[in-house]
C-alpha cells in the first residue's frame, strides 16, 4: 500500500528511472540520464529499470522489476523519472510523486505510434506530470529535484478512494480519446466512372 513519504532532505537523492516493458529500446532517456549522472556533484542512489535498452554503465541498472519490487522502489524513491505509460504514471502519483515524464517518440523507433507523447502532453498541461521532451528539460528537472525533492512530491493518500477513482476515470477517458484518434480511418480511395474512359480514382 502507498504510504506518505518522508520528503525531508537525506544524504543522497534516491532516484528511480523506469522505461517500462515495451520491446522497443529507449536509448534517449538512458543516455540523457547517464550524461546528467556524470556531471552531478552530490551522491545519487540510482535504480534504473532499462528494459530492452542496452544496460547502461550506471549503478543500480536492472532490465526489469517485478510488480512488488517496482512498488517498493517507488515508495522508497525521492524522485521518479519514467516513460509516458499511463500505468507507470498513475502508480508514481499513487506513491506521492509528481513523475518526471519523458514520453517515447516513434520517430526514434521508441514506440509504434505517438500516443505516449499525446498522453503526456495532456497530463503535463494539467499539471499532473513534469513533462520533459528534451535533454535540457530533463536535466533541469533532475537538477531541481536533486536540490529539493519536495518540488516533485504530491500527497499520497491510499484512503482517498473517490479521488483515485476519479483520476483513473480521467486517465481512461484520455487514453480512449487518443486510441480513437490513432485508429481513425483514413479516407478510402473511391472509384468513379468517367464517360468513355474507364474509371477515375479520387480521395
N, C-alpha and C. Protein backbone atom coordinates (compact mmCIF):
# COMPACT_ATOMS: atom_id res chain seq x y z
N UNK A 1 0.84 -1.20 0.00
CA UNK A 1 0.00 0.00 0.00
C UNK A 1 0.88 1.24 0.00
N UNK A 2 0.48 2.28 -0.73
CA UNK A 2 1.25 3.52 -0.71
C UNK A 2 1.26 4.11 0.69
N UNK A 3 2.33 4.78 1.02
CA UNK A 3 2.41 5.46 2.30
C UNK A 3 2.92 6.88 2.07
N UNK A 4 2.61 7.75 3.02
CA UNK A 4 3.09 9.12 2.90
C UNK A 4 4.61 9.11 3.04
N UNK A 5 5.29 9.60 2.04
CA UNK A 5 6.74 9.54 2.04
C UNK A 5 7.35 10.65 2.87
N UNK A 6 8.52 10.37 3.44
CA UNK A 6 9.28 11.38 4.16
C UNK A 6 10.07 12.18 3.15
N UNK A 7 9.72 13.46 2.97
CA UNK A 7 10.38 14.28 1.96
C UNK A 7 11.49 15.15 2.55
N UNK A 8 11.88 14.86 3.80
CA UNK A 8 12.97 15.62 4.39
C UNK A 8 14.27 15.29 3.66
N UNK A 9 15.21 16.26 3.57
CA UNK A 9 16.47 16.02 2.87
C UNK A 9 17.22 14.82 3.44
N UNK A 10 17.82 14.02 2.59
CA UNK A 10 18.63 12.88 3.01
C UNK A 10 20.04 13.07 2.48
N UNK A 11 20.94 12.16 2.88
CA UNK A 11 22.34 12.29 2.48
C UNK A 11 22.49 12.17 0.97
N UNK A 12 21.63 11.41 0.34
CA UNK A 12 21.67 11.26 -1.11
C UNK A 12 20.26 11.13 -1.65
N UNK A 13 20.08 11.61 -2.88
CA UNK A 13 18.77 11.54 -3.52
C UNK A 13 18.55 10.14 -4.07
N UNK A 14 17.40 9.56 -3.77
CA UNK A 14 17.05 8.23 -4.27
C UNK A 14 16.22 8.42 -5.54
N UNK A 15 16.80 8.04 -6.65
CA UNK A 15 16.20 8.29 -7.96
C UNK A 15 15.84 6.99 -8.65
N UNK A 16 14.57 6.84 -8.98
CA UNK A 16 14.10 5.69 -9.75
C UNK A 16 13.82 6.14 -11.18
N UNK A 17 14.38 5.41 -12.14
CA UNK A 17 14.11 5.65 -13.56
C UNK A 17 13.51 4.37 -14.13
N UNK A 18 12.33 4.48 -14.74
CA UNK A 18 11.64 3.29 -15.25
C UNK A 18 11.21 3.52 -16.69
N UNK A 19 11.71 2.69 -17.61
CA UNK A 19 11.37 2.83 -19.02
C UNK A 19 10.22 1.90 -19.42
N UNK A 20 9.75 1.05 -18.50
CA UNK A 20 8.65 0.14 -18.82
C UNK A 20 9.13 -1.15 -19.46
N UNK A 21 8.18 -1.91 -19.98
CA UNK A 21 8.49 -3.24 -20.51
C UNK A 21 8.32 -3.34 -22.02
N UNK A 22 8.07 -2.22 -22.69
CA UNK A 22 7.89 -2.26 -24.15
C UNK A 22 9.13 -2.85 -24.81
N UNK A 23 8.92 -3.57 -25.91
CA UNK A 23 10.03 -4.25 -26.59
C UNK A 23 10.99 -3.30 -27.28
N UNK A 24 10.57 -2.05 -27.48
CA UNK A 24 11.44 -1.07 -28.14
C UNK A 24 12.47 -0.52 -27.15
N UNK A 25 13.64 -0.22 -27.65
CA UNK A 25 14.68 0.40 -26.82
C UNK A 25 14.33 1.86 -26.55
N UNK A 26 14.90 2.37 -25.47
CA UNK A 26 14.68 3.77 -25.12
C UNK A 26 16.04 4.39 -24.79
N UNK A 27 16.92 4.38 -25.81
CA UNK A 27 18.29 4.86 -25.62
C UNK A 27 18.34 6.33 -25.22
N UNK A 28 17.44 7.15 -25.77
CA UNK A 28 17.49 8.58 -25.47
C UNK A 28 17.40 8.85 -23.98
N UNK A 29 16.41 8.29 -23.32
CA UNK A 29 16.23 8.54 -21.90
C UNK A 29 17.43 8.03 -21.10
N UNK A 30 17.89 6.82 -21.40
CA UNK A 30 19.02 6.25 -20.65
C UNK A 30 20.28 7.06 -20.89
N UNK A 31 20.52 7.49 -22.13
CA UNK A 31 21.71 8.30 -22.43
C UNK A 31 21.64 9.66 -21.73
N UNK A 32 20.48 10.29 -21.77
CA UNK A 32 20.32 11.59 -21.10
C UNK A 32 20.57 11.45 -19.60
N UNK A 33 20.09 10.36 -19.01
CA UNK A 33 20.31 10.13 -17.58
C UNK A 33 21.81 9.95 -17.30
N UNK A 34 22.50 9.15 -18.12
CA UNK A 34 23.93 8.92 -17.92
C UNK A 34 24.72 10.23 -18.02
N UNK A 35 24.35 11.08 -18.96
CA UNK A 35 25.03 12.37 -19.10
C UNK A 35 24.82 13.24 -17.87
N UNK A 36 23.61 13.23 -17.33
CA UNK A 36 23.34 14.01 -16.12
C UNK A 36 24.11 13.44 -14.94
N UNK A 37 24.09 12.13 -14.79
CA UNK A 37 24.75 11.48 -13.66
C UNK A 37 26.25 11.75 -13.66
N UNK A 38 26.83 11.85 -14.85
CA UNK A 38 28.28 12.06 -14.96
C UNK A 38 28.70 13.44 -14.43
N UNK A 39 27.78 14.40 -14.43
CA UNK A 39 28.16 15.75 -14.01
C UNK A 39 27.59 16.16 -12.66
N UNK A 40 26.77 15.30 -12.06
CA UNK A 40 26.14 15.66 -10.80
C UNK A 40 27.22 15.68 -9.70
N UNK A 41 27.10 16.62 -8.77
CA UNK A 41 28.17 16.81 -7.78
C UNK A 41 27.82 16.34 -6.37
N UNK A 42 26.63 15.73 -6.21
CA UNK A 42 26.24 15.17 -4.91
C UNK A 42 25.76 13.74 -5.11
N UNK A 43 25.88 12.90 -4.08
CA UNK A 43 25.54 11.48 -4.25
C UNK A 43 24.09 11.26 -4.68
N UNK A 44 23.91 10.29 -5.58
CA UNK A 44 22.60 9.87 -6.04
C UNK A 44 22.53 8.35 -5.94
N UNK A 45 21.48 7.85 -5.30
CA UNK A 45 21.25 6.40 -5.25
C UNK A 45 20.30 6.05 -6.38
N UNK A 46 20.83 5.38 -7.40
CA UNK A 46 20.07 5.11 -8.62
C UNK A 46 19.44 3.71 -8.61
N UNK A 47 18.22 3.64 -9.15
CA UNK A 47 17.64 2.40 -9.62
C UNK A 47 17.17 2.69 -11.04
N UNK A 48 17.76 2.00 -12.02
CA UNK A 48 17.46 2.26 -13.42
C UNK A 48 16.90 1.00 -14.06
N UNK A 49 15.59 0.97 -14.26
CA UNK A 49 14.94 -0.15 -14.95
C UNK A 49 14.98 0.17 -16.43
N UNK A 50 15.91 -0.49 -17.15
CA UNK A 50 16.21 -0.09 -18.53
C UNK A 50 15.52 -0.95 -19.59
N UNK A 51 14.79 -1.99 -19.19
CA UNK A 51 14.04 -2.77 -20.16
C UNK A 51 14.92 -3.39 -21.22
N UNK A 52 14.51 -3.24 -22.48
CA UNK A 52 15.24 -3.83 -23.61
C UNK A 52 16.35 -2.92 -24.12
N UNK A 53 16.52 -1.77 -23.50
CA UNK A 53 17.65 -0.91 -23.82
C UNK A 53 18.93 -1.55 -23.30
N UNK A 54 20.03 -1.39 -24.04
CA UNK A 54 21.30 -1.95 -23.60
C UNK A 54 21.63 -1.45 -22.20
N UNK A 55 22.14 -2.34 -21.35
CA UNK A 55 22.42 -1.99 -19.96
C UNK A 55 23.40 -0.82 -19.89
N UNK A 56 23.04 0.27 -19.22
CA UNK A 56 23.93 1.41 -19.11
C UNK A 56 25.02 1.18 -18.07
N UNK A 57 26.12 1.90 -18.21
CA UNK A 57 27.20 1.82 -17.23
C UNK A 57 26.86 2.73 -16.06
N UNK A 58 25.83 2.34 -15.33
CA UNK A 58 25.34 3.12 -14.20
C UNK A 58 25.07 2.17 -13.04
N UNK A 59 25.26 2.64 -11.81
CA UNK A 59 24.90 1.79 -10.67
C UNK A 59 23.39 1.59 -10.61
N UNK A 60 22.98 0.45 -10.11
CA UNK A 60 21.56 0.20 -9.93
C UNK A 60 20.79 -0.08 -11.19
N UNK A 61 21.48 -0.51 -12.26
CA UNK A 61 20.80 -0.79 -13.53
C UNK A 61 20.28 -2.22 -13.54
N UNK A 62 18.98 -2.39 -13.82
CA UNK A 62 18.36 -3.70 -13.92
C UNK A 62 17.42 -3.71 -15.12
N UNK A 63 17.33 -4.82 -15.84
CA UNK A 63 16.44 -4.83 -17.02
C UNK A 63 14.98 -4.64 -16.63
N UNK A 64 14.51 -5.42 -15.65
CA UNK A 64 13.10 -5.37 -15.28
C UNK A 64 12.95 -5.49 -13.77
N UNK A 65 11.84 -4.96 -13.28
CA UNK A 65 11.47 -5.09 -11.88
C UNK A 65 10.09 -5.75 -11.81
N UNK A 66 9.95 -6.74 -10.96
CA UNK A 66 8.63 -7.32 -10.74
C UNK A 66 7.71 -6.28 -10.11
N UNK A 67 6.41 -6.58 -10.12
CA UNK A 67 5.44 -5.61 -9.63
C UNK A 67 5.74 -5.18 -8.20
N UNK A 68 6.00 -6.13 -7.31
CA UNK A 68 6.26 -5.79 -5.91
C UNK A 68 7.54 -4.99 -5.77
N UNK A 69 8.58 -5.37 -6.52
CA UNK A 69 9.84 -4.63 -6.46
C UNK A 69 9.67 -3.20 -6.97
N UNK A 70 8.88 -3.04 -8.02
CA UNK A 70 8.64 -1.70 -8.55
C UNK A 70 7.88 -0.85 -7.54
N UNK A 71 6.89 -1.45 -6.87
CA UNK A 71 6.15 -0.72 -5.86
C UNK A 71 7.06 -0.27 -4.72
N UNK A 72 7.95 -1.14 -4.29
CA UNK A 72 8.88 -0.77 -3.22
C UNK A 72 9.82 0.33 -3.67
N UNK A 73 10.29 0.22 -4.92
CA UNK A 73 11.21 1.24 -5.43
C UNK A 73 10.53 2.59 -5.51
N UNK A 74 9.27 2.62 -5.92
CA UNK A 74 8.53 3.88 -5.98
C UNK A 74 8.30 4.45 -4.59
N UNK A 75 7.98 3.56 -3.65
CA UNK A 75 7.72 4.02 -2.29
C UNK A 75 8.99 4.60 -1.66
N UNK A 76 10.15 4.04 -1.98
CA UNK A 76 11.40 4.46 -1.36
C UNK A 76 12.05 5.65 -2.07
N UNK A 77 11.68 5.90 -3.33
CA UNK A 77 12.37 6.93 -4.12
C UNK A 77 12.01 8.33 -3.68
N UNK A 78 12.95 9.25 -3.88
CA UNK A 78 12.68 10.68 -3.72
C UNK A 78 12.14 11.27 -5.02
N UNK A 79 12.63 10.75 -6.15
CA UNK A 79 12.23 11.22 -7.47
C UNK A 79 11.95 10.03 -8.37
N UNK A 80 10.96 10.17 -9.24
CA UNK A 80 10.66 9.14 -10.22
C UNK A 80 10.68 9.75 -11.61
N UNK A 81 11.50 9.17 -12.48
CA UNK A 81 11.53 9.51 -13.90
C UNK A 81 11.00 8.31 -14.66
N UNK A 82 10.09 8.52 -15.60
CA UNK A 82 9.52 7.37 -16.30
C UNK A 82 9.13 7.74 -17.72
N UNK A 83 8.81 6.69 -18.49
CA UNK A 83 8.27 6.87 -19.83
C UNK A 83 6.83 7.34 -19.71
N UNK A 84 6.14 7.47 -20.85
CA UNK A 84 4.79 8.01 -20.83
C UNK A 84 3.69 6.99 -20.72
N UNK A 85 3.97 5.82 -20.13
CA UNK A 85 2.94 4.80 -19.98
C UNK A 85 1.94 5.17 -18.90
N UNK A 86 0.63 5.11 -19.17
CA UNK A 86 -0.37 5.50 -18.18
C UNK A 86 -0.26 4.77 -16.86
N UNK A 87 -0.02 3.45 -16.89
CA UNK A 87 0.03 2.69 -15.65
C UNK A 87 1.19 3.15 -14.76
N UNK A 88 2.36 3.36 -15.36
CA UNK A 88 3.52 3.80 -14.58
C UNK A 88 3.29 5.17 -13.98
N UNK A 89 2.71 6.07 -14.77
CA UNK A 89 2.43 7.42 -14.28
C UNK A 89 1.45 7.38 -13.12
N UNK A 90 0.38 6.61 -13.25
CA UNK A 90 -0.61 6.51 -12.17
C UNK A 90 0.00 5.93 -10.90
N UNK A 91 0.83 4.89 -11.04
CA UNK A 91 1.45 4.29 -9.87
C UNK A 91 2.40 5.28 -9.19
N UNK A 92 3.16 6.04 -9.98
CA UNK A 92 4.07 7.02 -9.39
C UNK A 92 3.30 8.06 -8.59
N UNK A 93 2.20 8.55 -9.14
CA UNK A 93 1.40 9.54 -8.41
C UNK A 93 0.75 8.92 -7.17
N UNK A 94 0.35 7.67 -7.27
CA UNK A 94 -0.26 7.00 -6.13
C UNK A 94 0.72 6.90 -4.96
N UNK A 95 2.01 6.83 -5.29
CA UNK A 95 3.05 6.76 -4.26
C UNK A 95 3.56 8.15 -3.85
N UNK A 96 2.88 9.20 -4.29
CA UNK A 96 3.23 10.53 -3.82
C UNK A 96 4.24 11.28 -4.66
N UNK A 97 4.41 10.87 -5.91
CA UNK A 97 5.37 11.54 -6.80
C UNK A 97 4.66 12.35 -7.87
N UNK A 98 5.22 13.50 -8.19
CA UNK A 98 4.91 14.16 -9.45
C UNK A 98 5.94 13.60 -10.43
N UNK A 99 5.57 12.63 -11.26
CA UNK A 99 6.59 11.96 -12.08
C UNK A 99 7.17 12.88 -13.14
N UNK A 100 8.47 12.75 -13.33
CA UNK A 100 9.18 13.44 -14.41
C UNK A 100 9.09 12.51 -15.62
N UNK A 101 8.35 12.93 -16.65
CA UNK A 101 7.98 12.02 -17.74
C UNK A 101 8.68 12.40 -19.04
N UNK A 102 9.35 11.41 -19.62
CA UNK A 102 9.94 11.53 -20.95
C UNK A 102 9.19 10.54 -21.84
N UNK A 103 8.26 11.00 -22.67
CA UNK A 103 7.48 10.06 -23.49
C UNK A 103 8.31 9.47 -24.63
N UNK A 104 8.00 8.24 -24.97
CA UNK A 104 8.66 7.60 -26.10
C UNK A 104 8.23 8.27 -27.41
N UNK A 105 9.16 8.35 -28.35
CA UNK A 105 8.93 9.03 -29.62
C UNK A 105 9.10 8.02 -30.76
N UNK A 106 8.05 7.78 -31.55
CA UNK A 106 8.18 6.80 -32.64
C UNK A 106 9.19 7.22 -33.71
N UNK A 107 9.47 8.50 -33.82
CA UNK A 107 10.46 8.97 -34.79
C UNK A 107 11.83 8.35 -34.51
N UNK A 108 12.10 8.07 -33.24
CA UNK A 108 13.38 7.46 -32.84
C UNK A 108 13.26 5.95 -32.67
N UNK A 109 12.16 5.36 -33.12
CA UNK A 109 11.99 3.92 -33.02
C UNK A 109 11.71 3.45 -31.60
N UNK A 110 11.17 4.33 -30.76
CA UNK A 110 10.94 4.00 -29.35
C UNK A 110 9.54 3.44 -29.09
N UNK A 111 8.67 3.57 -30.08
CA UNK A 111 7.30 3.05 -29.93
C UNK A 111 6.68 2.95 -31.33
N UNK A 112 5.49 2.35 -31.39
CA UNK A 112 4.84 2.16 -32.68
C UNK A 112 4.05 3.39 -33.12
N UNK A 113 3.69 4.25 -32.17
CA UNK A 113 2.93 5.45 -32.50
C UNK A 113 3.23 6.54 -31.47
N UNK A 114 2.51 7.67 -31.59
CA UNK A 114 2.82 8.82 -30.73
C UNK A 114 1.86 8.96 -29.55
N UNK A 115 1.20 7.86 -29.14
CA UNK A 115 0.20 8.02 -28.08
C UNK A 115 0.82 8.44 -26.75
N UNK A 116 2.08 8.02 -26.47
CA UNK A 116 2.71 8.46 -25.23
C UNK A 116 2.94 9.97 -25.23
N UNK A 117 3.35 10.50 -26.37
CA UNK A 117 3.57 11.95 -26.44
C UNK A 117 2.26 12.71 -26.23
N UNK A 118 1.20 12.27 -26.93
CA UNK A 118 -0.09 12.95 -26.80
C UNK A 118 -0.61 12.87 -25.37
N UNK A 119 -0.50 11.70 -24.77
CA UNK A 119 -0.98 11.48 -23.42
C UNK A 119 -0.19 12.33 -22.41
N UNK A 120 1.14 12.28 -22.51
CA UNK A 120 1.99 13.01 -21.56
C UNK A 120 1.81 14.52 -21.70
N UNK A 121 1.60 14.98 -22.92
CA UNK A 121 1.39 16.42 -23.11
C UNK A 121 0.09 16.88 -22.46
N UNK A 122 -0.94 16.07 -22.56
CA UNK A 122 -2.21 16.43 -21.91
C UNK A 122 -2.06 16.45 -20.40
N UNK A 123 -1.36 15.46 -19.84
CA UNK A 123 -1.15 15.45 -18.40
C UNK A 123 -0.23 16.59 -17.97
N UNK A 124 0.77 16.89 -18.80
CA UNK A 124 1.65 18.00 -18.48
C UNK A 124 0.92 19.32 -18.44
N UNK A 125 0.03 19.53 -19.40
CA UNK A 125 -0.76 20.77 -19.43
C UNK A 125 -1.67 20.88 -18.22
N UNK A 126 -2.09 19.72 -17.67
CA UNK A 126 -2.96 19.71 -16.49
C UNK A 126 -2.17 19.76 -15.19
N UNK A 127 -0.84 19.76 -15.28
CA UNK A 127 -0.01 19.80 -14.08
C UNK A 127 0.10 18.49 -13.34
N UNK A 128 -0.23 17.38 -14.00
CA UNK A 128 -0.21 16.07 -13.36
C UNK A 128 1.12 15.35 -13.52
N UNK A 129 1.96 15.82 -14.43
CA UNK A 129 3.32 15.30 -14.59
C UNK A 129 4.24 16.48 -14.91
N UNK A 130 5.53 16.26 -14.72
CA UNK A 130 6.54 17.21 -15.18
C UNK A 130 7.04 16.68 -16.52
N UNK A 131 6.56 17.27 -17.61
CA UNK A 131 6.86 16.78 -18.95
C UNK A 131 8.23 17.27 -19.41
N UNK A 132 9.07 16.34 -19.87
CA UNK A 132 10.41 16.67 -20.38
C UNK A 132 10.60 15.99 -21.73
N UNK A 133 10.63 16.77 -22.78
CA UNK A 133 10.78 16.19 -24.13
C UNK A 133 12.14 16.50 -24.74
N UNK A 134 13.02 17.16 -23.98
CA UNK A 134 14.38 17.42 -24.44
C UNK A 134 15.36 17.06 -23.34
N UNK A 135 16.61 16.86 -23.73
CA UNK A 135 17.65 16.57 -22.73
C UNK A 135 17.78 17.70 -21.73
N UNK A 136 17.71 18.94 -22.24
CA UNK A 136 17.86 20.09 -21.35
C UNK A 136 16.74 20.15 -20.32
N UNK A 137 15.51 19.87 -20.76
CA UNK A 137 14.39 19.90 -19.83
C UNK A 137 14.54 18.82 -18.76
N UNK A 138 14.98 17.62 -19.17
CA UNK A 138 15.18 16.55 -18.19
C UNK A 138 16.27 16.92 -17.20
N UNK A 139 17.39 17.43 -17.69
CA UNK A 139 18.49 17.79 -16.80
C UNK A 139 18.07 18.90 -15.84
N UNK A 140 17.31 19.86 -16.32
CA UNK A 140 16.83 20.93 -15.44
C UNK A 140 15.92 20.36 -14.35
N UNK A 141 15.03 19.44 -14.72
CA UNK A 141 14.12 18.84 -13.74
C UNK A 141 14.90 18.02 -12.72
N UNK A 142 15.89 17.26 -13.18
CA UNK A 142 16.69 16.46 -12.26
C UNK A 142 17.51 17.35 -11.33
N UNK A 143 18.07 18.43 -11.86
CA UNK A 143 18.81 19.37 -11.01
C UNK A 143 17.91 19.94 -9.92
N UNK A 144 16.71 20.35 -10.32
CA UNK A 144 15.77 20.94 -9.37
C UNK A 144 15.33 19.91 -8.33
N UNK A 145 15.04 18.69 -8.77
CA UNK A 145 14.61 17.65 -7.84
C UNK A 145 15.73 17.18 -6.93
N UNK A 146 16.94 17.15 -7.45
CA UNK A 146 18.11 16.75 -6.65
C UNK A 146 18.35 17.78 -5.55
N UNK A 147 18.15 19.05 -5.87
CA UNK A 147 18.33 20.11 -4.88
C UNK A 147 17.22 20.12 -3.85
N UNK A 148 15.99 19.82 -4.29
CA UNK A 148 14.83 19.86 -3.39
C UNK A 148 13.78 18.86 -3.88
N UNK A 149 13.87 17.60 -3.42
CA UNK A 149 12.93 16.58 -3.89
C UNK A 149 11.47 16.91 -3.63
N UNK A 150 11.19 17.75 -2.64
CA UNK A 150 9.79 18.06 -2.33
C UNK A 150 9.10 18.79 -3.47
N UNK A 151 9.87 19.35 -4.41
CA UNK A 151 9.27 20.01 -5.56
C UNK A 151 8.52 19.02 -6.45
N UNK A 152 8.86 17.75 -6.34
CA UNK A 152 8.23 16.73 -7.18
C UNK A 152 7.48 15.71 -6.32
N UNK A 153 6.89 16.22 -5.23
CA UNK A 153 6.08 15.37 -4.35
C UNK A 153 4.64 15.84 -4.38
N UNK A 154 3.72 14.89 -4.34
CA UNK A 154 2.29 15.19 -4.21
C UNK A 154 1.78 14.35 -3.04
N UNK A 155 0.60 14.66 -2.58
CA UNK A 155 0.05 13.93 -1.44
C UNK A 155 -0.25 12.48 -1.82
N UNK A 156 0.27 11.56 -1.04
CA UNK A 156 -0.03 10.14 -1.21
C UNK A 156 -1.07 9.77 -0.17
N UNK A 157 -2.27 9.44 -0.63
CA UNK A 157 -3.37 9.14 0.29
C UNK A 157 -4.10 7.89 -0.17
N UNK A 158 -3.66 6.71 0.31
CA UNK A 158 -4.30 5.46 -0.15
C UNK A 158 -5.75 5.34 0.25
N UNK A 159 -6.24 6.18 1.18
CA UNK A 159 -7.64 6.11 1.62
C UNK A 159 -8.56 6.99 0.79
N UNK A 160 -7.98 7.79 -0.11
CA UNK A 160 -8.81 8.70 -0.92
C UNK A 160 -9.38 7.94 -2.11
N UNK A 161 -10.30 7.01 -1.85
CA UNK A 161 -10.81 6.13 -2.90
C UNK A 161 -11.53 6.90 -4.00
N UNK A 162 -12.35 7.86 -3.61
CA UNK A 162 -13.12 8.60 -4.61
C UNK A 162 -12.20 9.39 -5.53
N UNK A 163 -11.20 10.03 -4.94
CA UNK A 163 -10.27 10.82 -5.74
C UNK A 163 -9.50 9.92 -6.70
N UNK A 164 -9.11 8.72 -6.23
CA UNK A 164 -8.37 7.83 -7.09
C UNK A 164 -9.24 7.30 -8.22
N UNK A 165 -10.50 6.97 -7.90
CA UNK A 165 -11.40 6.51 -8.96
C UNK A 165 -11.61 7.60 -10.01
N UNK A 166 -11.73 8.84 -9.55
CA UNK A 166 -11.90 9.95 -10.49
C UNK A 166 -10.67 10.11 -11.36
N UNK A 167 -9.49 9.96 -10.76
CA UNK A 167 -8.25 10.08 -11.54
C UNK A 167 -8.14 8.97 -12.57
N UNK A 168 -8.47 7.75 -12.16
CA UNK A 168 -8.41 6.62 -13.08
C UNK A 168 -9.40 6.82 -14.23
N UNK A 169 -10.62 7.30 -13.89
CA UNK A 169 -11.61 7.55 -14.93
C UNK A 169 -11.13 8.61 -15.90
N UNK A 170 -10.48 9.63 -15.37
CA UNK A 170 -9.98 10.71 -16.23
C UNK A 170 -8.90 10.20 -17.16
N UNK A 171 -7.97 9.42 -16.62
CA UNK A 171 -6.91 8.85 -17.46
C UNK A 171 -7.51 7.92 -18.50
N UNK A 172 -8.49 7.10 -18.08
CA UNK A 172 -9.12 6.20 -19.03
C UNK A 172 -9.76 6.93 -20.19
N UNK A 173 -10.40 8.06 -19.89
CA UNK A 173 -11.04 8.84 -20.95
C UNK A 173 -10.00 9.41 -21.90
N UNK A 174 -8.88 9.89 -21.33
CA UNK A 174 -7.81 10.43 -22.17
C UNK A 174 -7.27 9.35 -23.09
N UNK A 175 -7.03 8.16 -22.54
CA UNK A 175 -6.49 7.06 -23.35
C UNK A 175 -7.48 6.68 -24.44
N UNK A 176 -8.77 6.61 -24.10
CA UNK A 176 -9.78 6.28 -25.10
C UNK A 176 -9.78 7.31 -26.22
N UNK A 177 -9.68 8.59 -25.87
CA UNK A 177 -9.66 9.64 -26.88
C UNK A 177 -8.46 9.48 -27.81
N UNK A 178 -7.31 9.15 -27.22
CA UNK A 178 -6.09 9.00 -28.02
C UNK A 178 -6.17 7.78 -28.92
N UNK A 179 -6.70 6.69 -28.37
CA UNK A 179 -6.84 5.48 -29.20
C UNK A 179 -7.80 5.74 -30.35
N UNK A 180 -8.90 6.44 -30.07
CA UNK A 180 -9.86 6.75 -31.13
C UNK A 180 -9.20 7.60 -32.21
N UNK A 181 -8.36 8.54 -31.79
CA UNK A 181 -7.70 9.40 -32.76
C UNK A 181 -6.71 8.62 -33.61
N UNK A 182 -5.96 7.71 -32.96
CA UNK A 182 -4.93 6.97 -33.69
C UNK A 182 -5.53 5.91 -34.63
N UNK A 183 -6.74 5.44 -34.33
CA UNK A 183 -7.34 4.41 -35.17
C UNK A 183 -8.38 4.95 -36.13
N UNK A 184 -8.51 6.27 -36.14
CA UNK A 184 -9.48 6.87 -37.07
C UNK A 184 -9.11 6.50 -38.50
N UNK A 185 -10.09 6.04 -39.25
CA UNK A 185 -9.80 5.58 -40.62
C UNK A 185 -9.44 6.74 -41.53
N UNK A 186 -8.46 6.47 -42.35
CA UNK A 186 -8.13 7.44 -43.39
C UNK A 186 -9.17 7.37 -44.50
N UNK A 187 -9.37 8.44 -45.25
CA UNK A 187 -10.33 8.39 -46.36
C UNK A 187 -9.94 7.31 -47.36
N UNK A 188 -10.91 6.53 -47.79
CA UNK A 188 -10.63 5.47 -48.75
C UNK A 188 -10.61 6.02 -50.17
N UNK A 189 -9.88 5.30 -51.01
CA UNK A 189 -9.95 5.62 -52.44
C UNK A 189 -11.29 5.12 -52.97
N UNK A 190 -11.96 5.97 -53.71
CA UNK A 190 -13.23 5.58 -54.32
C UNK A 190 -13.08 5.63 -55.84
N UNK A 191 -13.79 4.73 -56.48
CA UNK A 191 -13.69 4.63 -57.94
C UNK A 191 -14.97 5.16 -58.57
N UNK A 192 -14.81 6.15 -59.42
CA UNK A 192 -15.94 6.76 -60.11
C UNK A 192 -15.77 6.56 -61.62
N UNK A 193 -16.86 6.28 -62.32
CA UNK A 193 -16.75 6.08 -63.77
C UNK A 193 -16.51 7.41 -64.49
N UNK A 194 -15.70 7.35 -65.55
CA UNK A 194 -15.53 8.51 -66.43
C UNK A 194 -16.06 8.15 -67.80
N UNK A 195 -16.88 8.99 -68.33
CA UNK A 195 -17.58 8.69 -69.59
C UNK A 195 -16.60 8.29 -70.67
N UNK A 196 -16.73 7.04 -71.11
CA UNK A 196 -15.97 6.58 -72.26
C UNK A 196 -14.50 6.34 -71.99
N UNK A 197 -14.02 6.57 -70.71
CA UNK A 197 -12.57 6.42 -70.49
C UNK A 197 -12.28 5.57 -69.23
N UNK A 198 -13.10 4.58 -69.01
CA UNK A 198 -12.82 3.69 -67.89
C UNK A 198 -13.20 4.32 -66.57
N UNK A 199 -12.29 4.25 -65.58
CA UNK A 199 -12.59 4.74 -64.24
C UNK A 199 -11.55 5.75 -63.78
N UNK A 200 -11.93 6.51 -62.73
CA UNK A 200 -11.04 7.53 -62.17
C UNK A 200 -11.05 7.36 -60.65
N UNK A 201 -9.88 7.37 -60.01
CA UNK A 201 -9.78 7.24 -58.57
C UNK A 201 -9.64 8.60 -57.93
N UNK A 202 -10.46 8.85 -56.90
CA UNK A 202 -10.33 10.10 -56.15
C UNK A 202 -10.37 9.79 -54.67
N UNK A 203 -9.84 10.73 -53.81
CA UNK A 203 -9.90 10.58 -52.37
C UNK A 203 -11.05 11.41 -51.84
